[in-house]
Each structure stands twice: as C-alpha cells, then as structure tokens.
Amino acid sequence: ITSILQAASPKIAGKVYPLPAPSVSGVESMRHRMAFINPFNLYKRTCDATGKPIVSIYSPDKPYKVYTRAAWESDSWDATQFGRPYDFTKTFAEQWDELNLAVPHVALWNGDTDNADFSHDVSKITDSYMIFDAMDVKESLYANGANNLTSCIDVTSVSQGEMLYQCLMVDNGYKSFWCTFCHTIAECDFCYDCRNIRNCFGCVNVVNGQYLWFNQQLTKEDYDQRRKAFWAQPNFIELAKAERNKLILSLPHRYADIKFCEDCTGNYLYHSNNAHDCYESGELEHTISCHDSRKAINSAYSGNLIFGPGFVYECQNIVGGATASAFCYLCADGLSNAYYSTECYGCDTIFGCVGLKRKKFTILNKQYEQPEYEALLPKIIA
C-alpha cells in the first residue's frame, strides 16, 4: 500500500505531503465511506431551483439544497459562487460542512434514462422502476448492482440477464428464477453455484448439465412432468428452498469465487491481477481492499471505482477515471489531484470542494491562481 499512498499524496511545488497509512481494516473503512452514501432510499421533495416536486435521495427534512439533474448540470449557476476563503479559526471539517450545506446537490444520479425516474446511480436505463447502481437496463423492476438486463425483477448483482426473477450473483442468465451464484444458465429454478446448465431445478455445484432435478439426471419428459407438478403446489417456493438447502449443506464448496485472476484474494473477482481483499469486482490491477469496482488500478480502500481510476485512496463512487486523489466521493469525468471533494466533474487540483465542474486550483470552491493555491494548501494541511 506504500506505493499507492505515495502516488495519491498531495504534491505541491515539487514537495510530497504523505497521506497517513490506514489505521482501520478494509471493512471498517468501507463502513466509514458508506456513511456518506444513500444508495437505495428515495423521497419526495421540492426542487430548490424550479420549485417543482421531485424524487430525491435527500429526504425533505434534510437542510441541503437539492436540484434536478437537469438544473444541476445547467449553466444557470456556478458552484464557485459559494466559494469562501479558508478560515484558520475554524476546523476544516466545520468549513467543509458549511460549504456542503450551501452548494446545491443532485437529486438523483441517473444519466441517460427514459421513463426511469425512480432510479439512482444508474446510466442508460429505459422503462424501469427502482433500479440502483446499474447500467444498460430495460423493462425491469427492483434491481441493484446490475448491468445489461432486460425484463428482470428482484435481482441483485446480475450481469447479462433476461427474464430473471429473484436471482443473486448471476452472470449470463436467461429465463431463470431463484438462482444464486450461477454462470451461464437458462430456464433454471432454485439452482446454486452452477455453470453452463439448462433446464435444471434445485441443483448445486453442477457444471454442464441439462434436465437435472436436485442433481439427479432425468429425461426431458420426466423433468417437465416433475416441474409442472411441483409448481402446482401452493408452497412450492418453501419446499424447493428447503430441499435445495439440504443439498447445499451436503456438498463441498469452493473457498471463493475467483476466476481468471492471478495473485488475488477476496471473493467474486474476475480478470484481475494482484488484487487483495477485494470483492464483487473485475479487471483490477494492484488494488487493496476495494469493492464493486471495474477497471481500477493502483487503488486502495475504495469502492465503486468504474472505468479507469488509478492511484486513488479512500474514495467512493468515482466514475470515468481519476488519478492521484483521496477522500472523494460521487465524482466523475476524470478527477486529478483532488482531496476531500464531492460531486465534482472533470476537476484538477482541488481541495475541500463541492459541486464543481471542470475547475482547477480551488479550495472550498474559491478560485485561486496556481501560486496562491500552492502557498495556501500546505498551511491547511499542516
């Protein structure tokens, strides 16, 4: 972690101001970061820009200013208008909190959506309802941590799914129900930790199978008859889960789901190299204690790093590339040399900022010239 901390540390006029080494575990660090994030709860409130009713992750009793995404991204306002000089008689936390209360926040992070107003932290969502942390979803309900879905309901951590219901951690699934930890399945029910299966019911640890009933091979006719009779029972869900769970307990299981990885530890990892204590992530390189991330490199103690972040530390929900940054969340479009900032787009060399778009050399949203910035920031850090 030393090299990551050194690369992520502030560098001012050629001098490095080293970040402290982590004093808590990766799990505790995640708890700290997630305390700032509301991933699922939606509320009705009024847009402070238009006065119209909106849906937001901020409840109406919260003191924050909240704009619709369109109003927030418009040119009608600039977050630097809320900038303020640094006051050395107050702590940085006090001043940052005052700025956070003054600057408008985005009601929902939902880019490129159509008829999907009740969705947050999403992109490319169409005709869907209650979708969270997802991308490329169509005609689906109640999904979280998903991408490339069509006509799915009640799914979590699913990738490339069509007509799935009550599925968890399924990759490449079609017309399957109540399946968990499965890869490449079609027309299956209540299966667990299976790969490359089709027309299977209640199976566990099966690879390359068809017409299996609780791991027992049947003919197509027998399978269809049993399935039809089973589904006709009013309590078939409870019966199937009970029988499947007995089978789960009777069989050995892999210690972790790690695929196409080298020198990695954690769980639900794929196509990664030298990633340690990482979870539900893919295409990582040289990362430590990261979760829910894609294509991140040289990063530590962070989550939801998507498409290119590198050399970041203690960051959450960073999309579209970032480098040499720490303690930031909900930022996008390329972040560089940013510290203690949130909801900033495409910014470089900022400290303690909120809601900025493509700014440079700002502290508490106040614009400085480079020499002024480099003279002031070391005093704040000290």
Protein backbone atom coordinates (compact mmCIF):
# COMPACT_ATOMS: atom_id res chain seq x y z
CA ILE A 1 0.00 0.00 0.00
CA THR A 2 3.00 2.30 0.41
CA SER A 3 3.35 2.96 -3.33
CA ILE A 4 -0.36 3.75 -3.66
CA LEU A 5 -0.27 6.17 -0.74
CA GLN A 6 2.79 7.89 -2.13
CA ALA A 7 1.24 8.29 -5.60
CA ALA A 8 -2.09 9.53 -4.16
CA SER A 9 -0.48 12.01 -1.76
CA PRO A 10 -0.70 15.76 -2.49
CA LYS A 11 2.28 17.14 -4.37
CA ILE A 12 2.70 20.90 -4.11
CA ALA A 13 5.53 22.76 -5.80
CA GLY A 14 7.53 19.55 -6.03
CA LYS A 15 7.06 18.57 -2.39
CA VAL A 16 5.08 15.48 -1.35
CA TYR A 17 2.75 15.69 1.64
CA PRO A 18 2.35 11.98 2.52
CA LEU A 19 -1.04 10.53 3.33
CA PRO A 20 -1.18 8.55 6.58
CA ALA A 21 -1.30 4.77 6.41
CA PRO A 22 -4.74 3.25 7.14
CA SER A 23 -5.47 2.71 10.81
CA VAL A 24 -8.58 0.53 10.29
CA SER A 25 -9.42 -2.61 8.34
CA GLY A 26 -10.79 -2.57 4.81
CA VAL A 27 -14.26 -3.46 6.11
CA GLU A 28 -14.25 -0.64 8.66
CA SER A 29 -13.02 1.77 6.00
CA MET A 30 -15.97 0.76 3.82
CA ARG A 31 -18.37 1.47 6.70
CA HIS A 32 -16.90 4.95 7.06
CA ARG A 33 -17.28 5.72 3.34
CA MET A 34 -20.77 4.27 3.04
CA ALA A 35 -21.94 6.50 5.88
CA PHE A 36 -21.89 9.33 3.31
CA ILE A 37 -23.91 7.43 0.71
CA ASN A 38 -27.64 6.76 0.44
CA PRO A 39 -27.76 4.01 -2.20
CA PHE A 40 -31.41 2.91 -2.02
CA ASN A 41 -33.86 5.22 -0.23
CA LEU A 42 -35.88 7.67 -2.33
CA TYR A 43 -38.04 10.55 -1.11
CA LYS A 44 -40.45 13.16 -2.43
CA ARG A 45 -39.31 16.73 -2.02
CA THR A 46 -39.22 20.04 -3.92
CA CYS A 47 -36.51 21.09 -6.35
CA ASP A 48 -34.84 24.20 -4.92
CA ALA A 49 -34.18 25.50 -8.44
CA THR A 50 -37.61 25.08 -10.06
CA GLY A 51 -40.00 24.65 -7.12
CA LYS A 52 -41.39 21.50 -8.74
CA PRO A 53 -41.92 18.17 -6.92
CA ILE A 54 -39.10 15.69 -7.49
CA VAL A 55 -37.79 12.32 -6.33
CA SER A 56 -34.51 12.52 -4.45
CA ILE A 57 -32.07 10.60 -2.30
CA TYR A 58 -32.33 13.53 0.14
CA SER A 59 -35.37 13.45 2.41
CA PRO A 60 -37.36 16.71 2.73
CA ASP A 61 -36.28 17.22 6.34
CA LYS A 62 -32.61 17.47 5.35
CA PRO A 63 -31.16 21.01 5.21
CA TYR A 64 -29.44 20.57 1.83
CA LYS A 65 -30.30 22.40 -1.37
CA VAL A 66 -31.34 19.86 -3.99
CA TYR A 67 -31.70 20.34 -7.77
CA THR A 68 -32.92 18.04 -10.51
CA ARG A 69 -30.07 16.68 -12.59
CA ALA A 70 -31.01 18.97 -15.50
CA ALA A 71 -30.99 22.05 -13.26
CA TRP A 72 -27.79 20.98 -11.52
CA GLU A 73 -25.95 20.45 -14.84
CA SER A 74 -27.24 23.70 -16.39
CA ASP A 75 -25.15 26.84 -16.87
CA SER A 76 -27.57 28.93 -14.79
CA TRP A 77 -25.35 28.64 -11.74
CA ASP A 78 -21.71 28.04 -10.85
CA ALA A 79 -20.54 26.34 -7.67
CA THR A 80 -17.66 28.80 -7.31
CA GLN A 81 -20.23 31.44 -6.36
CA PHE A 82 -20.35 29.66 -3.00
CA GLY A 83 -16.57 29.76 -2.62
CA ARG A 84 -15.13 31.14 0.58
CA PRO A 85 -11.66 31.92 1.92
CA TYR A 86 -10.15 29.45 4.34
CA ASP A 87 -10.71 30.46 7.97
CA PHE A 88 -7.90 29.27 10.22
CA THR A 89 -10.02 29.94 13.33
CA LYS A 90 -12.29 27.02 12.34
CA THR A 91 -11.55 23.38 11.62
CA PHE A 92 -11.54 22.17 8.04
CA ALA A 93 -14.49 19.87 8.83
CA GLU A 94 -16.61 22.77 10.06
CA GLN A 95 -15.92 24.81 6.94
CA TRP A 96 -16.49 21.89 4.59
CA ASP A 97 -19.84 21.17 6.25
CA GLU A 98 -20.92 24.80 5.81
CA LEU A 99 -19.99 24.63 2.13
CA ASN A 100 -21.81 21.33 1.70
CA LEU A 101 -24.97 22.92 3.09
CA ALA A 102 -24.68 25.93 0.77
CA VAL A 103 -23.97 24.24 -2.57
CA PRO A 104 -26.90 22.53 -4.39
CA HIS A 105 -26.77 18.74 -4.72
CA VAL A 106 -28.06 16.43 -7.44
CA ALA A 107 -31.42 14.85 -6.57
CA LEU A 108 -30.57 11.58 -8.34
CA TRP A 109 -27.50 10.37 -10.20
CA ASN A 110 -29.26 9.00 -13.26
CA GLY A 111 -27.68 9.69 -16.62
CA ASP A 112 -29.25 8.87 -19.98
CA THR A 113 -32.55 7.48 -18.67
CA ASP A 114 -36.02 7.26 -20.20
CA ASN A 115 -39.11 6.55 -18.12
CA ALA A 116 -36.98 5.53 -15.15
CA ASP A 117 -37.41 8.41 -12.71
CA PHE A 118 -37.28 6.20 -9.61
CA SER A 119 -33.70 5.08 -10.17
CA HIS A 120 -30.39 6.25 -8.69
CA ASP A 121 -26.70 5.81 -9.51
CA VAL A 122 -27.59 4.49 -12.96
CA SER A 123 -26.89 5.04 -16.65
CA LYS A 124 -28.77 4.00 -19.79
CA ILE A 125 -31.96 2.85 -18.08
CA THR A 126 -35.24 2.55 -20.03
CA ASP A 127 -38.83 1.80 -18.89
CA SER A 128 -37.72 0.57 -15.47
CA TYR A 129 -38.56 1.19 -11.81
CA MET A 130 -36.46 1.19 -8.64
CA ILE A 131 -33.11 0.44 -10.25
CA PHE A 132 -29.90 1.20 -8.32
CA ASP A 133 -26.19 1.06 -9.13
CA ALA A 134 -26.86 -0.25 -12.63
CA MET A 135 -26.16 0.26 -16.32
CA ASP A 136 -27.91 -0.78 -19.55
CA VAL A 137 -31.24 -1.92 -18.10
CA LYS A 138 -34.56 -2.21 -19.95
CA GLU A 139 -38.09 -3.00 -18.76
CA SER A 140 -37.03 -4.18 -15.30
CA LEU A 141 -38.12 -3.71 -11.69
CA TYR A 142 -36.20 -3.68 -8.40
CA ALA A 143 -32.60 -4.30 -9.44
CA ASN A 144 -29.37 -3.43 -7.68
CA GLY A 145 -25.75 -3.75 -8.75
CA ALA A 146 -26.68 -4.90 -12.23
CA ASN A 147 -25.82 -4.32 -15.86
CA ASN A 148 -27.17 -5.39 -19.22
CA LEU A 149 -30.63 -6.52 -18.07
CA THR A 150 -33.89 -6.99 -19.94
CA SER A 151 -37.22 -7.83 -18.31
CA CYS A 152 -35.84 -8.77 -14.89
CA ILE A 153 -37.47 -8.42 -11.45
CA ASP A 154 -35.95 -8.50 -7.96
CA VAL A 155 -32.34 -9.18 -8.88
CA THR A 156 -29.06 -8.22 -7.24
CA SER A 157 -25.53 -8.29 -8.68
CA VAL A 158 -26.64 -9.69 -12.01
CA SER A 159 -24.84 -9.19 -15.32
CA GLN A 160 -26.28 -10.03 -18.73
CA GLY A 161 -29.70 -11.26 -17.70
CA GLU A 162 -33.04 -11.62 -19.43
CA MET A 163 -36.31 -12.65 -17.79
CA LEU A 164 -34.77 -13.35 -14.40
CA TYR A 165 -36.65 -13.28 -11.10
CA GLN A 166 -35.28 -13.34 -7.54
CA CYS A 167 -31.72 -14.01 -8.67
CA LEU A 168 -28.50 -13.12 -6.87
CA MET A 169 -24.98 -13.05 -8.33
CA VAL A 170 -25.93 -14.47 -11.70
CA ASP A 171 -23.83 -13.86 -14.80
CA ASN A 172 -25.36 -14.54 -18.22
CA GLY A 173 -28.77 -15.89 -17.26
CA TYR A 174 -31.96 -16.42 -19.22
CA LYS A 175 -35.50 -17.13 -18.01
CA SER A 176 -34.42 -18.41 -14.59
CA PHE A 177 -35.88 -17.97 -11.10
CA TRP A 178 -34.49 -18.06 -7.54
CA CYS A 179 -30.94 -18.84 -8.68
CA THR A 180 -27.80 -17.83 -6.77
CA PHE A 181 -24.08 -17.69 -7.65
CA CYS A 182 -24.59 -19.10 -11.14
CA HIS A 183 -22.94 -18.52 -14.51
CA THR A 184 -24.42 -19.13 -17.96
CA ILE A 185 -27.80 -20.63 -17.12
CA ALA A 186 -31.08 -20.92 -19.00
CA GLU A 187 -34.57 -21.92 -17.83
CA CYS A 188 -33.40 -22.99 -14.38
CA ASP A 189 -35.04 -22.74 -10.95
CA PHE A 190 -33.55 -22.67 -7.42
CA CYS A 191 -30.02 -23.51 -8.59
CA TYR A 192 -26.90 -22.66 -6.58
CA ASP A 193 -23.30 -22.29 -7.72
CA CYS A 194 -23.83 -23.88 -11.13
CA ARG A 195 -22.27 -23.19 -14.53
CA ASN A 196 -23.33 -23.90 -18.09
CA ILE A 197 -26.65 -25.53 -17.23
CA ARG A 198 -30.06 -25.54 -18.82
CA ASN A 199 -33.44 -26.84 -17.63
CA CYS A 200 -32.26 -27.67 -14.13
CA PHE A 201 -34.18 -27.50 -10.84
CA GLY A 202 -32.71 -27.21 -7.34
CA CYS A 203 -29.20 -28.13 -8.45
CA VAL A 204 -25.98 -27.37 -6.59
CA ASN A 205 -22.38 -27.32 -7.89
CA VAL A 206 -23.40 -28.65 -11.32
CA VAL A 207 -21.27 -27.90 -14.39
CA ASN A 208 -22.55 -28.64 -17.90
CA GLY A 209 -25.90 -30.24 -17.18
CA GLN A 210 -29.46 -30.40 -18.51
CA TYR A 211 -32.70 -31.88 -17.16
CA LEU A 212 -31.31 -32.33 -13.65
CA TRP A 213 -33.62 -32.45 -10.65
CA PHE A 214 -31.76 -31.72 -7.39
CA ASN A 215 -28.62 -33.06 -9.12
CA GLN A 216 -30.42 -36.20 -10.34
CA GLN A 217 -30.42 -36.82 -14.08
CA LEU A 218 -33.86 -37.17 -15.69
CA THR A 219 -35.24 -37.46 -19.19
CA LYS A 220 -36.85 -34.40 -20.70
CA GLU A 221 -40.32 -35.87 -20.24
CA ASP A 222 -39.78 -36.77 -16.57
CA TYR A 223 -38.24 -33.37 -15.88
CA ASP A 224 -41.13 -31.47 -17.45
CA GLN A 225 -43.70 -33.54 -15.53
CA ARG A 226 -41.96 -33.08 -12.17
CA ARG A 227 -41.50 -29.37 -12.68
CA LYS A 228 -45.14 -28.86 -13.64
CA ALA A 229 -46.38 -30.85 -10.65
CA PHE A 230 -44.01 -29.09 -8.26
CA TRP A 231 -45.02 -25.62 -9.40
CA ALA A 232 -48.68 -26.52 -8.86
CA GLN A 233 -48.15 -26.82 -5.11
CA PRO A 234 -49.12 -23.66 -3.18
CA ASN A 235 -45.94 -23.74 -1.06
CA PHE A 236 -43.54 -24.83 -3.80
CA ILE A 237 -41.10 -21.99 -3.03
CA GLU A 238 -40.57 -23.03 0.59
CA LEU A 239 -40.34 -26.71 -0.38
CA ALA A 240 -37.80 -26.09 -3.12
CA LYS A 241 -35.60 -23.88 -0.95
CA ALA A 242 -35.66 -26.39 1.92
CA GLU A 243 -34.66 -29.28 -0.33
CA ARG A 244 -32.01 -27.23 -2.11
CA ASN A 245 -30.54 -26.04 1.17
CA LYS A 246 -30.16 -29.64 2.36
CA LEU A 247 -28.21 -30.34 -0.80
CA ILE A 248 -26.03 -27.27 -0.27
CA LEU A 249 -25.08 -28.45 3.22
CA SER A 250 -24.25 -31.96 1.99
CA LEU A 251 -21.73 -30.88 -0.67
CA PRO A 252 -18.28 -29.23 -0.55
CA HIS A 253 -17.90 -25.66 -1.81
CA ARG A 254 -15.12 -23.52 -3.18
CA TYR A 255 -13.47 -21.19 -0.68
CA ALA A 256 -14.07 -18.23 -3.02
CA ASP A 257 -15.39 -17.37 -6.46
CA ILE A 258 -12.26 -16.06 -8.20
CA LYS A 259 -11.96 -16.51 -11.97
CA PHE A 260 -9.17 -15.69 -14.41
CA CYS A 261 -7.15 -13.98 -11.69
CA GLU A 262 -3.51 -14.05 -10.62
CA ASP A 263 -2.28 -13.34 -7.11
CA CYS A 264 -5.72 -12.25 -5.80
CA THR A 265 -7.66 -12.66 -2.58
CA GLY A 266 -11.26 -11.83 -1.74
CA ASN A 267 -14.44 -13.09 -3.40
CA TYR A 268 -16.41 -12.66 -6.62
CA LEU A 269 -13.37 -11.46 -8.54
CA TYR A 270 -12.65 -11.90 -12.23
CA HIS A 271 -9.91 -10.95 -14.73
CA SER A 272 -7.76 -9.28 -12.08
CA ASN A 273 -4.12 -9.21 -11.11
CA ASN A 274 -2.55 -8.53 -7.71
CA ALA A 275 -5.86 -7.54 -6.10
CA HIS A 276 -6.07 -8.30 -2.40
CA ASP A 277 -9.06 -8.19 -0.04
CA CYS A 278 -11.27 -7.16 -3.00
CA TYR A 279 -14.89 -8.14 -3.60
CA GLU A 280 -17.50 -8.12 -6.37
CA SER A 281 -15.06 -6.56 -8.81
CA GLY A 282 -13.41 -7.17 -12.15
CA GLU A 283 -10.39 -6.09 -14.19
CA LEU A 284 -8.48 -4.79 -11.19
CA GLU A 285 -4.72 -4.38 -11.02
CA HIS A 286 -2.62 -3.70 -7.93
CA THR A 287 -5.55 -2.89 -5.64
CA ILE A 288 -6.14 -3.36 -1.93
CA SER A 289 -9.47 -3.53 -0.07
CA CYS A 290 -11.70 -2.38 -2.94
CA HIS A 291 -15.26 -3.44 -3.70
CA ASP A 292 -17.83 -3.14 -6.50
CA SER A 293 -15.22 -1.79 -8.91
CA ARG A 294 -14.40 -2.24 -12.61
CA LYS A 295 -11.18 -1.42 -14.44
CA ALA A 296 -9.44 0.18 -11.47
CA ILE A 297 -5.68 0.16 -10.94
CA ASN A 298 -3.28 1.06 -8.14
CA SER A 299 -6.04 1.95 -5.69
CA ALA A 300 -6.78 1.13 -2.07
CA TYR A 301 -9.58 1.28 0.48
CA SER A 302 -12.16 2.41 -2.08
CA GLY A 303 -15.46 1.33 -3.61
CA ASN A 304 -17.44 1.71 -6.85
CA LEU A 305 -14.46 2.76 -8.91
CA ILE A 306 -15.59 2.50 -12.53
CA PHE A 307 -13.73 2.74 -15.84
CA GLY A 308 -10.21 3.85 -15.16
CA PRO A 309 -9.50 5.22 -11.67
CA GLY A 310 -5.86 4.84 -10.63
CA PHE A 311 -3.81 5.84 -7.61
CA VAL A 312 -6.85 6.73 -5.51
CA TYR A 313 -7.26 6.17 -1.79
CA GLU A 314 -10.37 6.22 0.42
CA CYS A 315 -12.68 7.18 -2.46
CA GLN A 316 -16.26 6.10 -3.15
CA ASN A 317 -18.35 6.17 -6.34
CA ILE A 318 -15.77 7.54 -8.77
CA VAL A 319 -16.67 7.13 -12.45
CA GLY A 320 -14.77 7.84 -15.65
CA GLY A 321 -11.20 7.89 -14.49
CA ALA A 322 -9.36 9.53 -11.63
CA THR A 323 -5.75 9.78 -10.56
CA ALA A 324 -3.78 10.91 -7.53
CA SER A 325 -6.86 11.63 -5.40
CA ALA A 326 -8.07 10.77 -1.90
CA PHE A 327 -11.14 11.13 0.31
CA CYS A 328 -13.50 11.97 -2.57
CA TYR A 329 -16.94 10.58 -3.42
CA LEU A 330 -19.59 10.92 -6.11
CA CYS A 331 -17.19 12.38 -8.68
CA ALA A 332 -16.90 11.75 -12.42
CA ASP A 333 -15.38 12.63 -15.80
CA GLY A 334 -11.77 12.49 -14.79
CA LEU A 335 -10.55 13.66 -11.40
CA SER A 336 -6.92 14.54 -10.70
CA ASN A 337 -5.12 15.71 -7.58
CA ALA A 338 -8.44 16.08 -5.75
CA TYR A 339 -8.89 15.75 -1.99
CA TYR A 340 -11.89 15.85 0.33
CA SER A 341 -14.29 16.73 -2.50
CA THR A 342 -17.70 15.54 -3.65
CA GLU A 343 -19.94 15.82 -6.73
CA CYS A 344 -17.15 17.32 -8.81
CA TYR A 345 -16.87 16.76 -12.57
CA GLY A 346 -13.61 16.82 -14.51
CA CYS A 347 -11.67 18.80 -11.91
CA ASP A 348 -7.93 19.03 -11.31
CA THR A 349 -6.01 20.20 -8.25
CA ILE A 350 -8.87 20.91 -5.85
CA PHE A 351 -9.25 20.61 -2.09
CA GLY A 352 -12.43 20.51 0.01
CA CYS A 353 -14.78 21.33 -2.88
CA VAL A 354 -18.45 20.58 -3.64
CA GLY A 355 -20.31 20.56 -6.95
CA LEU A 356 -17.58 21.94 -9.19
CA LYS A 357 -17.45 21.39 -12.95
CA ARG A 358 -14.07 21.47 -14.73
CA LYS A 359 -12.29 23.73 -12.28
CA LYS A 360 -8.67 23.89 -11.21
CA PHE A 361 -6.80 25.33 -8.24
CA THR A 362 -9.81 25.71 -5.95
CA ILE A 363 -10.06 25.39 -2.17
CA LEU A 364 -13.53 25.36 -0.56
CA ASN A 365 -14.87 26.29 -4.04
CA LYS A 366 -12.84 29.52 -4.09
CA GLN A 367 -10.78 30.00 -7.25
CA TYR A 368 -7.07 30.74 -6.89
CA GLU A 369 -4.14 31.27 -9.19
CA GLN A 370 -1.60 28.45 -9.08
CA PRO A 371 0.96 30.28 -6.90
CA GLU A 372 -1.78 31.26 -4.43
CA TYR A 373 -3.08 27.69 -4.28
CA GLU A 374 0.39 26.25 -3.75
CA ALA A 375 1.10 28.76 -0.99
CA LEU A 376 -2.19 28.23 0.90
CA LEU A 377 -2.72 24.45 0.77
CA PRO A 378 0.44 23.48 2.73
CA LYS A 379 -0.71 25.75 5.56
CA ILE A 380 -4.10 23.97 5.62
CA ILE A 381 -2.54 20.52 5.55
CA ALA A 382 -0.08 21.45 8.30
